[in-house]
């Protein structure tokens, strides 16, 4: 249909065989979702077709699950102002982009496969960034994925985290409360299916914190975390060719990827400004209102992990 971007034959096969997508039924599916949104007094959401079809695809065309995920998408964003409030492509966000800490690699894991995203902390602390800066940039990029990246929406994402340059001072910043919130958002609030997280060159101090954070995440996310001693071990699962040139692969140069990402993010400046118009008002929610405690279930005394 004209409202939705055409997809490749490989992705079409995945969408139809794995996600239960029936192209001829898309107009009716979208109408049903919009009709439901019109009846939700507490929820104000985007309603363009490309945005909504991402939630249908992410929920394998279960209308009820898509409704729930849309609600959670805006509810969790409203409940996490430290990450989502007042996001814009300001100097801070652009600087995080230029540092190349978090990059979306151009070639997916096979023609109809998941999008690969790489985190490398080499230039992170030297620029004075904190983990919250990275989370704010990551979520900005994620919303760009929802609207623009058909491989990510249909086949999911694979996250590779190279921790060889992650210092103890950065490990000490890790807020277990925030890590759990991000896990809940990834599980309940986004239509992008996380296929796997691969941690490489992980120092034992960081692994201790990450294992604790992982234990607080939904069970299905816990099972998608994998630890590898080095890049050679990772290459047995994700062949080197899918890594960028700086890692000995053929999946783009990080400098070029970062330059393109900056242009993509700058083009989303209006999107981020418009986001202030969307969200939830718990005072208007029919039935029981949601709170941060009911959504995240984190005791106040367990918000920060101190590392000597």
Protein backbone atom coordinates (compact mmCIF):
# COMPACT_ATOMS: atom_id res chain seq x y z
CA UNK A 1 0.00 0.00 0.00
CA UNK A 2 1.15 3.52 -0.78
CA UNK A 3 1.44 4.60 2.88
CA UNK A 4 4.02 1.91 3.63
CA UNK A 5 7.52 1.63 2.17
CA UNK A 6 8.04 -1.37 -0.16
CA UNK A 7 10.31 -4.09 1.23
CA UNK A 8 12.72 -6.53 -0.41
CA UNK A 9 11.70 -10.04 -1.42
CA UNK A 10 13.82 -11.49 1.40
CA UNK A 11 12.12 -9.32 4.01
CA UNK A 12 8.72 -10.00 2.46
CA UNK A 13 9.29 -13.72 3.01
CA UNK A 14 10.26 -13.15 6.65
CA UNK A 15 7.28 -10.85 7.22
CA UNK A 16 4.81 -13.33 5.77
CA UNK A 17 6.25 -16.57 7.18
CA UNK A 18 7.46 -15.40 10.59
CA UNK A 19 5.34 -12.34 11.36
CA UNK A 20 2.00 -13.45 9.86
CA UNK A 21 1.84 -10.41 7.60
CA UNK A 22 -0.89 -10.49 4.92
CA UNK A 23 -0.38 -7.50 2.58
CA UNK A 24 -4.01 -7.38 1.46
CA UNK A 25 -5.13 -7.11 5.08
CA UNK A 26 -2.83 -4.23 6.05
CA UNK A 27 -5.40 -1.43 5.49
CA UNK A 28 -7.87 -3.16 7.81
CA UNK A 29 -5.18 -3.86 10.43
CA UNK A 30 -4.11 -0.20 10.42
CA UNK A 31 -7.70 1.01 10.62
CA UNK A 32 -8.37 -1.24 13.62
CA UNK A 33 -5.31 0.17 15.41
CA UNK A 34 -6.30 3.78 14.65
CA UNK A 35 -9.90 3.14 15.74
CA UNK A 36 -8.61 1.81 19.05
CA UNK A 37 -6.27 4.80 19.55
CA UNK A 38 -9.19 7.17 18.98
CA UNK A 39 -10.93 5.62 22.00
CA UNK A 40 -8.02 5.95 24.43
CA UNK A 41 -8.46 9.19 26.41
CA UNK A 42 -5.09 8.85 28.17
CA UNK A 43 -2.96 8.09 25.10
CA UNK A 44 -1.86 10.43 22.34
CA UNK A 45 0.19 8.60 19.72
CA UNK A 46 1.55 9.02 16.23
CA UNK A 47 -0.73 7.44 13.67
CA UNK A 48 1.15 7.45 10.38
CA UNK A 49 1.12 4.06 8.67
CA UNK A 50 4.89 3.46 8.66
CA UNK A 51 5.03 3.98 12.42
CA UNK A 52 2.00 1.83 13.22
CA UNK A 53 2.97 -1.05 10.92
CA UNK A 54 6.22 -1.37 12.88
CA UNK A 55 4.17 -2.25 15.97
CA UNK A 56 2.03 -4.71 14.05
CA UNK A 57 5.15 -6.39 12.66
CA UNK A 58 6.89 -6.32 16.03
CA UNK A 59 3.88 -8.11 17.55
CA UNK A 60 3.51 -10.64 14.69
CA UNK A 61 0.23 -9.00 13.71
CA UNK A 62 -1.51 -9.70 17.00
CA UNK A 63 -3.71 -6.61 17.25
CA UNK A 64 -4.05 -6.93 21.04
CA UNK A 65 -0.29 -7.17 21.53
CA UNK A 66 0.26 -4.21 19.21
CA UNK A 67 -2.20 -2.14 21.26
CA UNK A 68 -0.38 -3.08 24.46
CA UNK A 69 3.05 -2.32 23.03
CA UNK A 70 1.94 1.07 21.70
CA UNK A 71 0.54 1.94 25.12
CA UNK A 72 3.72 0.80 26.85
CA UNK A 73 5.89 2.64 24.30
CA UNK A 74 4.41 5.98 25.31
CA UNK A 75 3.82 5.10 28.97
CA UNK A 76 7.42 4.03 29.58
CA UNK A 77 8.77 7.06 27.75
CA UNK A 78 6.61 9.27 29.97
CA UNK A 79 7.84 7.41 33.09
CA UNK A 80 11.53 7.74 32.09
CA UNK A 81 12.09 11.51 31.79
CA UNK A 82 15.80 11.12 32.55
CA UNK A 83 16.14 9.38 29.16
CA UNK A 84 13.32 10.76 27.03
CA UNK A 85 12.49 14.29 28.21
CA UNK A 86 13.59 17.15 25.98
CA UNK A 87 15.61 15.03 23.58
CA UNK A 88 16.94 16.99 20.64
CA UNK A 89 19.87 16.88 18.28
CA UNK A 90 21.81 19.35 20.40
CA UNK A 91 25.58 19.54 20.68
CA UNK A 92 25.65 16.78 23.29
CA UNK A 93 23.73 14.27 21.19
CA UNK A 94 25.72 15.14 18.07
CA UNK A 95 28.97 14.73 20.02
CA UNK A 96 27.90 11.24 21.16
CA UNK A 97 27.13 10.40 17.55
CA UNK A 98 30.51 11.66 16.34
CA UNK A 99 32.38 9.68 19.01
CA UNK A 100 31.36 6.51 17.19
CA UNK A 101 30.56 4.74 20.43
CA UNK A 102 27.29 3.36 19.07
CA UNK A 103 26.99 2.63 15.36
CA UNK A 104 24.44 0.88 13.17
CA UNK A 105 26.32 -1.17 10.59
CA UNK A 106 25.12 -0.79 6.98
CA UNK A 107 25.00 -4.47 6.00
CA UNK A 108 22.52 -6.60 7.97
CA UNK A 109 23.20 -10.17 9.03
CA UNK A 110 22.12 -11.60 5.67
CA UNK A 111 19.82 -9.98 3.04
CA UNK A 112 16.68 -10.47 5.11
CA UNK A 113 18.50 -10.65 8.43
CA UNK A 114 18.74 -8.56 11.59
CA UNK A 115 20.41 -5.16 11.77
CA UNK A 116 23.80 -5.26 13.54
CA UNK A 117 24.66 -2.49 16.00
CA UNK A 118 28.11 -2.06 17.55
CA UNK A 119 29.03 -0.34 20.81
CA UNK A 120 32.71 0.48 21.37
CA UNK A 121 33.77 2.56 24.37
CA UNK A 122 37.17 3.60 22.94
CA UNK A 123 36.31 7.31 22.60
CA UNK A 124 33.57 7.52 25.21
CA UNK A 125 35.08 8.72 28.46
CA UNK A 126 37.70 10.91 26.78
CA UNK A 127 34.81 13.07 25.59
CA UNK A 128 33.39 13.39 29.10
CA UNK A 129 30.24 11.38 28.37
CA UNK A 130 28.16 9.48 30.89
CA UNK A 131 26.08 6.37 30.29
CA UNK A 132 22.88 8.43 30.38
CA UNK A 133 24.20 10.35 27.35
CA UNK A 134 24.61 7.08 25.48
CA UNK A 135 21.14 5.87 26.47
CA UNK A 136 19.56 9.10 25.25
CA UNK A 137 21.36 8.77 21.92
CA UNK A 138 20.54 5.07 21.61
CA UNK A 139 16.83 5.67 22.12
CA UNK A 140 16.90 8.47 19.55
CA UNK A 141 18.48 6.10 17.05
CA UNK A 142 16.00 3.37 18.01
CA UNK A 143 13.05 5.58 17.08
CA UNK A 144 14.75 6.27 13.76
CA UNK A 145 15.01 2.48 13.29
CA UNK A 146 11.29 2.05 13.98
CA UNK A 147 10.37 4.36 11.11
CA UNK A 148 13.24 3.84 8.67
CA UNK A 149 14.90 0.43 9.04
CA UNK A 150 12.86 -2.47 7.68
CA UNK A 151 15.52 -5.06 8.55
CA UNK A 152 15.43 -3.98 12.20
CA UNK A 153 11.63 -3.94 12.36
CA UNK A 154 11.04 -7.22 10.53
CA UNK A 155 14.11 -9.29 11.49
CA UNK A 156 15.22 -7.58 14.71
CA UNK A 157 18.62 -6.40 15.88
CA UNK A 158 21.88 -7.91 17.08
CA UNK A 159 23.90 -5.86 19.56
CA UNK A 160 27.69 -6.29 19.82
CA UNK A 161 29.36 -4.55 22.76
CA UNK A 162 33.16 -4.33 22.74
CA UNK A 163 34.11 -3.67 26.36
CA UNK A 164 37.89 -3.74 26.01
CA UNK A 165 38.13 0.04 26.55
CA UNK A 166 35.51 0.25 29.30
CA UNK A 167 37.17 1.60 32.43
CA UNK A 168 36.28 0.94 36.05
CA UNK A 169 35.12 4.53 36.45
CA UNK A 170 32.54 3.92 33.74
CA UNK A 171 31.51 0.63 35.34
CA UNK A 172 30.96 2.55 38.59
CA UNK A 173 28.44 4.79 36.80
CA UNK A 174 26.18 1.84 36.09
CA UNK A 175 22.80 2.49 37.65
CA UNK A 176 21.06 -0.86 38.12
CA UNK A 177 17.70 0.91 38.28
CA UNK A 178 18.28 2.54 34.90
CA UNK A 179 19.58 -0.69 33.36
CA UNK A 180 16.40 -2.45 34.44
CA UNK A 181 14.24 0.38 33.08
CA UNK A 182 15.98 0.13 29.72
CA UNK A 183 15.39 -3.62 29.75
CA UNK A 184 11.69 -3.16 30.46
CA UNK A 185 11.44 -0.58 27.68
CA UNK A 186 13.20 -2.89 25.23
CA UNK A 187 10.90 -5.77 26.15
CA UNK A 188 7.51 -4.13 26.60
CA UNK A 189 7.74 -0.82 24.80
CA UNK A 190 9.54 -1.23 21.50
CA UNK A 191 8.51 -3.08 18.33
CA UNK A 192 12.16 -3.91 17.60
CA UNK A 193 12.89 -7.51 18.56
CA UNK A 194 16.30 -7.98 20.18
CA UNK A 195 17.78 -11.19 18.74
CA UNK A 196 20.96 -11.18 20.78
CA UNK A 197 23.46 -9.14 22.81
CA UNK A 198 27.09 -10.18 22.44
CA UNK A 199 29.55 -8.87 25.05
CA UNK A 200 33.19 -9.07 23.97
CA UNK A 201 36.41 -8.48 25.96
CA UNK A 202 34.36 -7.99 29.11
CA UNK A 203 36.36 -7.15 32.28
CA UNK A 204 35.28 -9.16 35.31
CA UNK A 205 34.15 -6.04 37.20
CA UNK A 206 31.79 -5.04 34.39
CA UNK A 207 30.58 -8.62 34.01
CA UNK A 208 29.54 -8.68 37.67
CA UNK A 209 27.44 -5.55 37.24
CA UNK A 210 25.98 -6.67 33.92
CA UNK A 211 25.03 -10.07 35.31
CA UNK A 212 23.22 -8.33 38.14
CA UNK A 213 21.45 -6.01 35.70
CA UNK A 214 20.60 -8.95 33.46
CA UNK A 215 19.06 -10.83 36.39
CA UNK A 216 16.56 -7.98 36.78
CA UNK A 217 15.47 -8.09 33.15
CA UNK A 218 12.62 -10.15 31.70
CA UNK A 219 13.58 -13.84 31.34
CA UNK A 220 13.46 -13.86 27.56
CA UNK A 221 15.98 -11.00 27.42
CA UNK A 222 18.28 -12.71 29.92
CA UNK A 223 18.62 -15.68 27.58
CA UNK A 224 19.75 -13.47 24.71
CA UNK A 225 22.94 -12.24 26.42
CA UNK A 226 26.18 -13.97 25.37
CA UNK A 227 29.72 -13.35 26.61
CA UNK A 228 32.78 -13.91 24.40
CA UNK A 229 36.40 -13.73 25.53
CA UNK A 230 37.58 -12.01 22.36
CA UNK A 231 36.64 -11.04 18.80
CA UNK A 232 37.91 -14.35 17.44
CA UNK A 233 35.43 -16.21 19.61
CA UNK A 234 32.62 -13.87 18.48
CA UNK A 235 33.54 -14.50 14.82
CA UNK A 236 32.49 -18.13 15.21
CA UNK A 237 28.91 -16.84 15.56
CA UNK A 238 29.04 -13.57 13.61
CA UNK A 239 31.62 -13.88 10.80
CA UNK A 240 34.24 -11.15 10.63
CA UNK A 241 32.87 -9.91 7.28
CA UNK A 242 29.89 -8.43 9.12
CA UNK A 243 32.16 -6.21 11.23
CA UNK A 244 33.41 -2.76 10.09
CA UNK A 245 36.75 -2.34 8.37
CA UNK A 246 38.41 -1.23 11.62
CA UNK A 247 37.62 -4.69 13.01
CA UNK A 248 38.96 -6.51 9.96
CA UNK A 249 35.59 -6.81 8.23
CA UNK A 250 33.92 -5.35 5.16
CA UNK A 251 30.81 -3.78 6.72
CA UNK A 252 31.66 -0.11 6.20
CA UNK A 253 34.12 2.34 7.76
CA UNK A 254 33.10 3.72 11.14
CA UNK A 255 33.96 7.30 10.10
CA UNK A 256 31.62 7.03 7.10
CA UNK A 257 28.88 5.36 9.15
CA UNK A 258 29.09 8.08 11.79
CA UNK A 259 28.91 10.85 9.19
CA UNK A 260 25.76 9.31 7.69
CA UNK A 261 24.25 8.75 11.15
CA UNK A 262 24.75 12.44 11.97
CA UNK A 263 22.85 13.45 8.84
CA UNK A 264 20.10 10.96 9.63
CA UNK A 265 19.74 12.24 13.17
CA UNK A 266 19.76 15.90 12.12
CA UNK A 267 16.94 15.10 9.71
CA UNK A 268 14.96 13.88 12.73
CA UNK A 269 15.15 17.17 14.63
CA UNK A 270 11.51 17.96 13.87
CA UNK A 271 10.49 14.44 14.91
CA UNK A 272 12.09 14.96 18.33
CA UNK A 273 10.40 18.35 18.73
CA UNK A 274 7.03 16.79 17.86
CA UNK A 275 7.52 14.10 20.51
CA UNK A 276 6.51 16.57 23.23
CA UNK A 277 2.99 16.37 21.76
CA UNK A 278 2.72 12.63 22.38
CA UNK A 279 2.56 10.52 25.51
CA UNK A 280 0.17 9.42 28.24
CA UNK A 281 -1.81 11.20 30.95
CA UNK A 282 -2.34 8.70 33.76
CA UNK A 283 -5.11 10.86 35.21
CA UNK A 284 -7.19 10.01 32.13
CA UNK A 285 -6.37 6.29 31.92
CA UNK A 286 -9.47 4.08 32.18
CA UNK A 287 -9.16 1.64 35.06
CA UNK A 288 -6.07 1.32 37.23
CA UNK A 289 -3.40 3.97 36.75
CA UNK A 290 0.20 2.92 36.20
CA UNK A 291 3.15 4.17 38.24
CA UNK A 292 6.92 3.90 37.95
CA UNK A 293 6.95 1.43 40.85
CA UNK A 294 4.35 -0.83 39.24
CA UNK A 295 6.18 -0.71 35.91
CA UNK A 296 9.75 -1.16 37.12
CA UNK A 297 9.41 -2.61 40.63
CA UNK A 298 12.70 -1.27 41.92
CA UNK A 299 13.20 -0.54 45.60
CA UNK A 300 14.53 2.92 46.35
CA UNK A 301 17.48 1.50 48.29
CA UNK A 302 18.59 -0.53 45.27
CA UNK A 303 19.04 2.23 42.75
CA UNK A 304 22.80 2.54 42.57
CA UNK A 305 25.53 -0.05 42.80
CA UNK A 306 28.66 1.18 44.56
CA UNK A 307 31.95 -0.29 43.37
CA UNK A 308 35.12 0.24 45.35
